[in-house]
Amino acid sequence: MISNLRATLDHLIWALVEESGNATHDQLTFPCVLDRKDWPSSLGSRLRNVPPQWIPAIEQAQPFAASQPRRHPMYVLHRLDITTKHRLLIPIEPSTFEWEATYSVNRPIRKDDRRIDQVAPTGVRLTDGVELARVRFFSKTADLEVTGIKTVTEAAAGWGPRLDELDLTGDDPFPDMMTFVETLIETFAPAFRRRELSSLLP
């Protein structure tokens, strides 16, 4: 997952150059620049022949543009990609879990009955027998019980790398790398609309 997310950004740069009609070359890549003074070097190498109208969006996505560059999703993704390729296969675990279900109960539910849902806390590891969700009903007469699950109408889990092997732990929330990459895909999508439209022409 990590390597695919990082490669997606490199593919975007290649596609921007290819779509523009400019010459592609082996140095093309989506740069990860931690220090602003190194940005001009990337412009002359990794981003050579990228159409100039896309350069500001690429620059805005750089770690040096953030107040905490080493917590920026681009930097974290880049570092994790290097780590998982060369040194360590990074385990992936659920980071959040949500679900919604309908239940069968032992008697009709009254207005003063209340359902209490509990889900696994952030960071719980997916292992055999781990409890991800629990539901119970509170009633004044203490006679309302869940007898089964009818249907699970919605279930969603957020996934992310386990970081206890890396120097990336801390109090700050872990950056959402998937949303970061999705946002960049949407940013550069207009560059490829001409091709999509031309494919619809007779």
Protein backbone atom coordinates (compact mmCIF):
# COMPACT_ATOMS: atom_id res chain seq x y z
CA MET A 1 0.00 0.00 0.00
CA ILE A 2 2.73 2.45 0.97
CA SER A 3 4.82 1.79 -2.12
CA ASN A 4 1.78 2.04 -4.38
CA LEU A 5 0.78 5.40 -2.91
CA ARG A 6 4.30 6.76 -3.40
CA ALA A 7 4.52 5.35 -6.94
CA THR A 8 1.18 6.97 -7.80
CA LEU A 9 2.74 10.41 -7.33
CA ASP A 10 5.68 9.51 -9.59
CA HIS A 11 3.26 8.24 -12.24
CA LEU A 12 1.40 11.56 -12.05
CA ILE A 13 4.55 13.51 -12.87
CA TRP A 14 5.39 11.23 -15.78
CA ALA A 15 1.84 11.47 -17.11
CA LEU A 16 1.81 15.28 -16.85
CA VAL A 17 4.92 15.48 -19.02
CA GLU A 18 3.74 12.84 -21.46
CA GLU A 19 0.30 14.44 -21.84
CA SER A 20 1.85 17.85 -22.51
CA GLY A 21 3.88 16.50 -25.42
CA ASN A 22 7.18 17.35 -23.73
CA ALA A 23 10.01 14.81 -23.64
CA THR A 24 9.99 12.34 -20.76
CA HIS A 25 13.27 11.37 -19.06
CA ASP A 26 14.57 8.98 -16.40
CA GLN A 27 14.82 11.59 -13.63
CA LEU A 28 11.11 12.41 -13.61
CA THR A 29 9.64 11.88 -10.16
CA PHE A 30 7.41 13.60 -7.65
CA PRO A 31 10.02 15.23 -5.40
CA CYS A 32 10.03 15.20 -1.62
CA VAL A 33 11.92 18.31 -0.52
CA LEU A 34 12.39 18.93 3.19
CA ASP A 35 14.37 22.18 2.90
CA ARG A 36 13.22 25.03 0.65
CA LYS A 37 16.79 25.81 -0.45
CA ASP A 38 16.83 22.44 -2.29
CA TRP A 39 13.69 23.21 -4.29
CA PRO A 40 15.46 24.83 -7.30
CA SER A 41 17.50 21.64 -7.74
CA SER A 42 14.31 19.58 -8.08
CA LEU A 43 12.92 22.02 -10.64
CA GLY A 44 15.97 21.49 -12.82
CA SER A 45 16.07 17.72 -12.54
CA ARG A 46 13.06 15.80 -11.24
CA LEU A 47 10.53 18.28 -12.63
CA ARG A 48 12.26 19.18 -15.88
CA ASN A 49 9.69 19.42 -18.72
CA VAL A 50 6.71 19.43 -16.35
CA PRO A 51 4.28 22.09 -17.69
CA PRO A 52 4.81 25.25 -15.62
CA GLN A 53 1.14 25.65 -14.67
CA TRP A 54 1.43 22.52 -12.46
CA ILE A 55 4.60 23.53 -10.62
CA PRO A 56 2.82 25.62 -7.90
CA ALA A 57 0.61 22.66 -6.92
CA ILE A 58 3.65 20.39 -6.66
CA GLU A 59 5.49 23.00 -4.60
CA GLN A 60 2.52 23.41 -2.27
CA ALA A 61 2.59 19.64 -1.63
CA GLN A 62 6.21 19.74 -0.39
CA PRO A 63 7.15 19.19 3.27
CA PHE A 64 9.00 22.53 3.42
CA ALA A 65 5.66 24.29 2.87
CA ALA A 66 4.37 22.99 6.24
CA SER A 67 5.06 24.26 9.76
CA GLN A 68 6.24 20.76 10.76
CA PRO A 69 7.97 19.38 7.65
CA ARG A 70 8.78 15.99 9.21
CA ARG A 71 5.11 15.41 10.03
CA HIS A 72 3.96 16.32 6.52
CA PRO A 73 2.22 13.41 4.71
CA MET A 74 4.62 13.71 1.75
CA TYR A 75 7.67 13.31 3.96
CA VAL A 76 6.17 10.48 6.03
CA LEU A 77 5.04 8.62 2.90
CA HIS A 78 8.44 9.08 1.26
CA ARG A 79 10.31 7.85 4.33
CA LEU A 80 8.01 4.87 4.87
CA ASP A 81 8.41 3.90 1.21
CA ILE A 82 12.20 3.92 1.51
CA THR A 83 12.04 1.95 4.75
CA THR A 84 9.68 -0.72 3.47
CA LYS A 85 11.65 -1.15 0.22
CA HIS A 86 15.08 -1.46 1.77
CA ARG A 87 14.93 -2.37 5.46
CA LEU A 88 11.59 -3.39 6.91
CA LEU A 89 8.23 -4.71 5.80
CA ILE A 90 5.92 -2.36 7.70
CA PRO A 91 2.89 -4.10 9.25
CA ILE A 92 -0.52 -2.58 8.53
CA GLU A 93 -3.18 -2.52 11.23
CA PRO A 94 -6.66 -1.01 11.77
CA SER A 95 -6.46 2.55 13.03
CA THR A 96 -10.19 3.24 13.30
CA PHE A 97 -13.27 1.06 13.19
CA GLU A 98 -16.93 1.96 12.75
CA TRP A 99 -19.98 -0.12 12.12
CA GLU A 100 -23.75 0.02 12.07
CA ALA A 101 -26.02 -2.99 12.45
CA THR A 102 -29.60 -3.97 13.16
CA TYR A 103 -30.25 -6.39 16.01
CA SER A 104 -32.83 -8.86 17.13
CA VAL A 105 -33.89 -8.53 20.78
CA ASN A 106 -35.91 -10.57 23.21
CA ARG A 107 -38.84 -8.14 23.44
CA PRO A 108 -40.21 -5.06 21.62
CA ILE A 109 -38.10 -1.93 22.11
CA ARG A 110 -39.79 0.86 24.08
CA LYS A 111 -39.17 4.61 23.92
CA ASP A 112 -37.21 4.65 27.15
CA ASP A 113 -34.84 1.89 26.03
CA ARG A 114 -31.36 2.97 25.00
CA ARG A 115 -28.76 1.21 22.88
CA ILE A 116 -25.08 1.52 23.85
CA ASP A 117 -22.44 0.85 21.18
CA GLN A 118 -18.75 0.41 21.83
CA VAL A 119 -16.05 0.04 19.15
CA ALA A 120 -12.40 -0.83 19.42
CA PRO A 121 -10.18 2.14 20.25
CA THR A 122 -7.77 3.62 17.74
CA GLY A 123 -4.64 1.54 17.37
CA VAL A 124 -6.11 -1.85 18.30
CA ARG A 125 -4.35 -4.65 16.47
CA LEU A 126 -6.27 -7.10 14.32
CA THR A 127 -5.54 -10.48 15.89
CA ASP A 128 -7.58 -13.63 16.35
CA GLY A 129 -10.34 -13.06 18.88
CA VAL A 130 -9.90 -9.30 19.24
CA GLU A 131 -13.16 -7.51 20.03
CA LEU A 132 -13.90 -4.80 17.45
CA ALA A 133 -17.45 -3.93 18.46
CA ARG A 134 -19.91 -4.56 21.30
CA VAL A 135 -23.55 -3.55 21.71
CA ARG A 136 -25.93 -3.72 24.65
CA PHE A 137 -29.29 -2.21 25.55
CA PHE A 138 -30.12 -0.27 28.69
CA SER A 139 -33.64 -0.58 29.99
CA LYS A 140 -35.24 0.51 33.23
CA THR A 141 -36.60 -2.98 33.74
CA ALA A 142 -33.23 -4.61 32.90
CA ASP A 143 -34.93 -7.25 30.79
CA LEU A 144 -33.89 -6.19 27.27
CA GLU A 145 -31.16 -8.32 25.69
CA VAL A 146 -29.60 -8.68 22.24
CA THR A 147 -30.34 -12.10 20.82
CA GLY A 148 -28.52 -11.69 17.51
CA ILE A 149 -27.40 -9.49 14.64
CA LYS A 150 -29.88 -9.24 11.77
CA THR A 151 -27.75 -7.32 9.28
CA VAL A 152 -24.57 -5.25 9.25
CA THR A 153 -25.61 -2.18 7.30
CA GLU A 154 -22.24 -0.44 7.36
CA ALA A 155 -18.69 -1.29 8.41
CA ALA A 156 -15.54 0.71 7.83
CA ALA A 157 -11.97 0.36 9.03
CA GLY A 158 -9.12 2.81 8.64
CA TRP A 159 -5.76 1.17 7.97
CA GLY A 160 -2.28 2.46 8.57
CA PRO A 161 1.31 1.42 9.28
CA ARG A 162 2.38 0.21 12.68
CA LEU A 163 5.04 2.63 13.77
CA ASP A 164 6.60 1.14 16.87
CA GLU A 165 9.58 0.02 14.75
CA LEU A 166 10.10 3.53 13.32
CA ASP A 167 10.94 6.92 14.73
CA LEU A 168 7.59 8.38 13.70
CA THR A 169 5.59 8.03 16.89
CA GLY A 170 4.38 11.02 18.87
CA ASP A 171 1.38 12.86 20.21
CA ASP A 172 0.42 14.39 16.86
CA PRO A 173 -2.11 12.52 14.71
CA PHE A 174 -0.51 10.38 12.02
CA PRO A 175 -0.90 12.12 8.65
CA ASP A 176 -3.53 10.74 6.29
CA MET A 177 -1.36 9.72 3.33
CA MET A 178 -4.20 8.22 1.32
CA THR A 179 -6.25 11.42 1.40
CA PHE A 180 -3.09 13.38 0.54
CA VAL A 181 -2.53 11.31 -2.62
CA GLU A 182 -6.23 11.38 -3.56
CA THR A 183 -6.23 15.18 -3.29
CA LEU A 184 -3.24 15.44 -5.62
CA ILE A 185 -4.89 13.13 -8.15
CA GLU A 186 -7.92 15.44 -8.16
CA THR A 187 -5.64 18.48 -8.46
CA PHE A 188 -3.98 17.20 -11.63
CA ALA A 189 -7.09 15.60 -13.15
CA PRO A 190 -7.82 18.59 -15.45
CA ALA A 191 -4.56 17.89 -17.31
CA PHE A 192 -6.08 14.66 -18.64
CA ARG A 193 -9.65 15.77 -19.35
CA ARG A 194 -8.78 16.65 -22.95
CA ARG A 195 -7.87 13.01 -23.60
CA GLU A 196 -11.08 11.79 -21.93
CA LEU A 197 -13.21 14.15 -24.00
CA SER A 198 -11.48 13.25 -27.25
CA SER A 199 -12.21 9.56 -26.65
CA LEU A 200 -15.94 10.39 -26.65
CA LEU A 201 -15.83 12.07 -30.04
CA PRO A 202 -17.01 10.00 -33.06
